[in-house]
Amino acid sequence: MTHWHDTMVDQPDTSSAAYAAGWTISGLAVFGVVVCVWVLGI
């Protein structure tokens, strides 16, 4: 796979605390949904 860099697209700032917090909250939300579906047997 080739790497591309487009100057029209903003690259995400992967070193910030907000980026890490966003992924952590996202992961916990997905985990919570999986647990709810498993517990409730939906």
C-alpha atoms as a PDB file:
ATOM      1  CA  MET A   1       0.000   0.000   0.000  1.00  0.00           C
ATOM      2  CA  THR A   2       1.348   3.397  -0.913  1.00  0.00           C
ATOM      3  CA  HIS A   3       1.448   6.327   1.465  1.00  0.00           C
ATOM      4  CA  TRP A   4      -0.139   9.542   0.297  1.00  0.00           C
ATOM      5  CA  HIS A   5      -0.018  13.032   1.690  1.00  0.00           C
ATOM      6  CA  ASP A   6      -2.635  15.496   0.539  1.00  0.00           C
ATOM      7  CA  THR A   7      -2.089  19.125   1.486  1.00  0.00           C
ATOM      8  CA  MET A   8      -5.853  19.789   1.250  1.00  0.00           C
ATOM      9  CA  VAL A   9      -6.629  17.320   4.068  1.00  0.00           C
ATOM     10  CA  ASP A  10      -5.765  18.221   7.647  1.00  0.00           C
ATOM     11  CA  GLN A  11      -3.730  15.538   9.349  1.00  0.00           C
ATOM     12  CA  PRO A  12      -4.974  14.579  12.826  1.00  0.00           C
ATOM     13  CA  ASP A  13      -2.888  15.640  15.805  1.00  0.00           C
ATOM     14  CA  THR A  14      -2.266  12.185  17.262  1.00  0.00           C
ATOM     15  CA  SER A  15      -0.045  13.443  20.074  1.00  0.00           C
ATOM     16  CA  SER A  16      -2.663  15.430  21.983  1.00  0.00           C
ATOM     17  CA  ALA A  17      -4.454  14.360  25.147  1.00  0.00           C
ATOM     18  CA  ALA A  18      -7.831  15.071  23.526  1.00  0.00           C
ATOM     19  CA  TYR A  19      -7.053  12.540  20.777  1.00  0.00           C
ATOM     20  CA  ALA A  20      -6.192   9.847  23.333  1.00  0.00           C
ATOM     21  CA  ALA A  21      -9.231  10.706  25.463  1.00  0.00           C
ATOM     22  CA  GLY A  22     -11.507  10.521  22.429  1.00  0.00           C
ATOM     23  CA  TRP A  23     -10.314   7.046  21.499  1.00  0.00           C
ATOM     24  CA  THR A  24     -10.553   5.912  25.124  1.00  0.00           C
ATOM     25  CA  ILE A  25     -14.148   7.143  25.435  1.00  0.00           C
ATOM     26  CA  SER A  26     -14.989   5.578  22.071  1.00  0.00           C
ATOM     27  CA  GLY A  27     -13.536   2.249  23.130  1.00  0.00           C
ATOM     28  CA  LEU A  28     -15.390   2.276  26.433  1.00  0.00           C
ATOM     29  CA  ALA A  29     -18.663   3.163  24.695  1.00  0.00           C
ATOM     30  CA  VAL A  30     -18.297   0.271  22.253  1.00  0.00           C
ATOM     31  CA  PHE A  31     -17.385  -2.077  25.106  1.00  0.00           C
ATOM     32  CA  GLY A  32     -20.436  -0.883  27.066  1.00  0.00           C
ATOM     33  CA  VAL A  33     -22.750  -1.539  24.117  1.00  0.00           C
ATOM     34  CA  VAL A  34     -21.306  -5.035  23.657  1.00  0.00           C
ATOM     35  CA  VAL A  35     -21.799  -5.817  27.365  1.00  0.00           C
ATOM     36  CA  CYS A  36     -25.382  -4.462  27.319  1.00  0.00           C
ATOM     37  CA  VAL A  37     -26.269  -6.541  24.266  1.00  0.00           C
ATOM     38  CA  TRP A  38     -24.689  -9.623  25.879  1.00  0.00           C
ATOM     39  CA  VAL A  39     -26.402  -9.133  29.264  1.00  0.00           C
ATOM     40  CA  LEU A  40     -29.809  -8.267  27.826  1.00  0.00           C
ATOM     41  CA  GLY A  41     -29.582 -10.960  25.143  1.00  0.00           C
ATOM     42  CA  ILE A  42     -30.750  -8.653  22.367  1.00  0.00           C
END
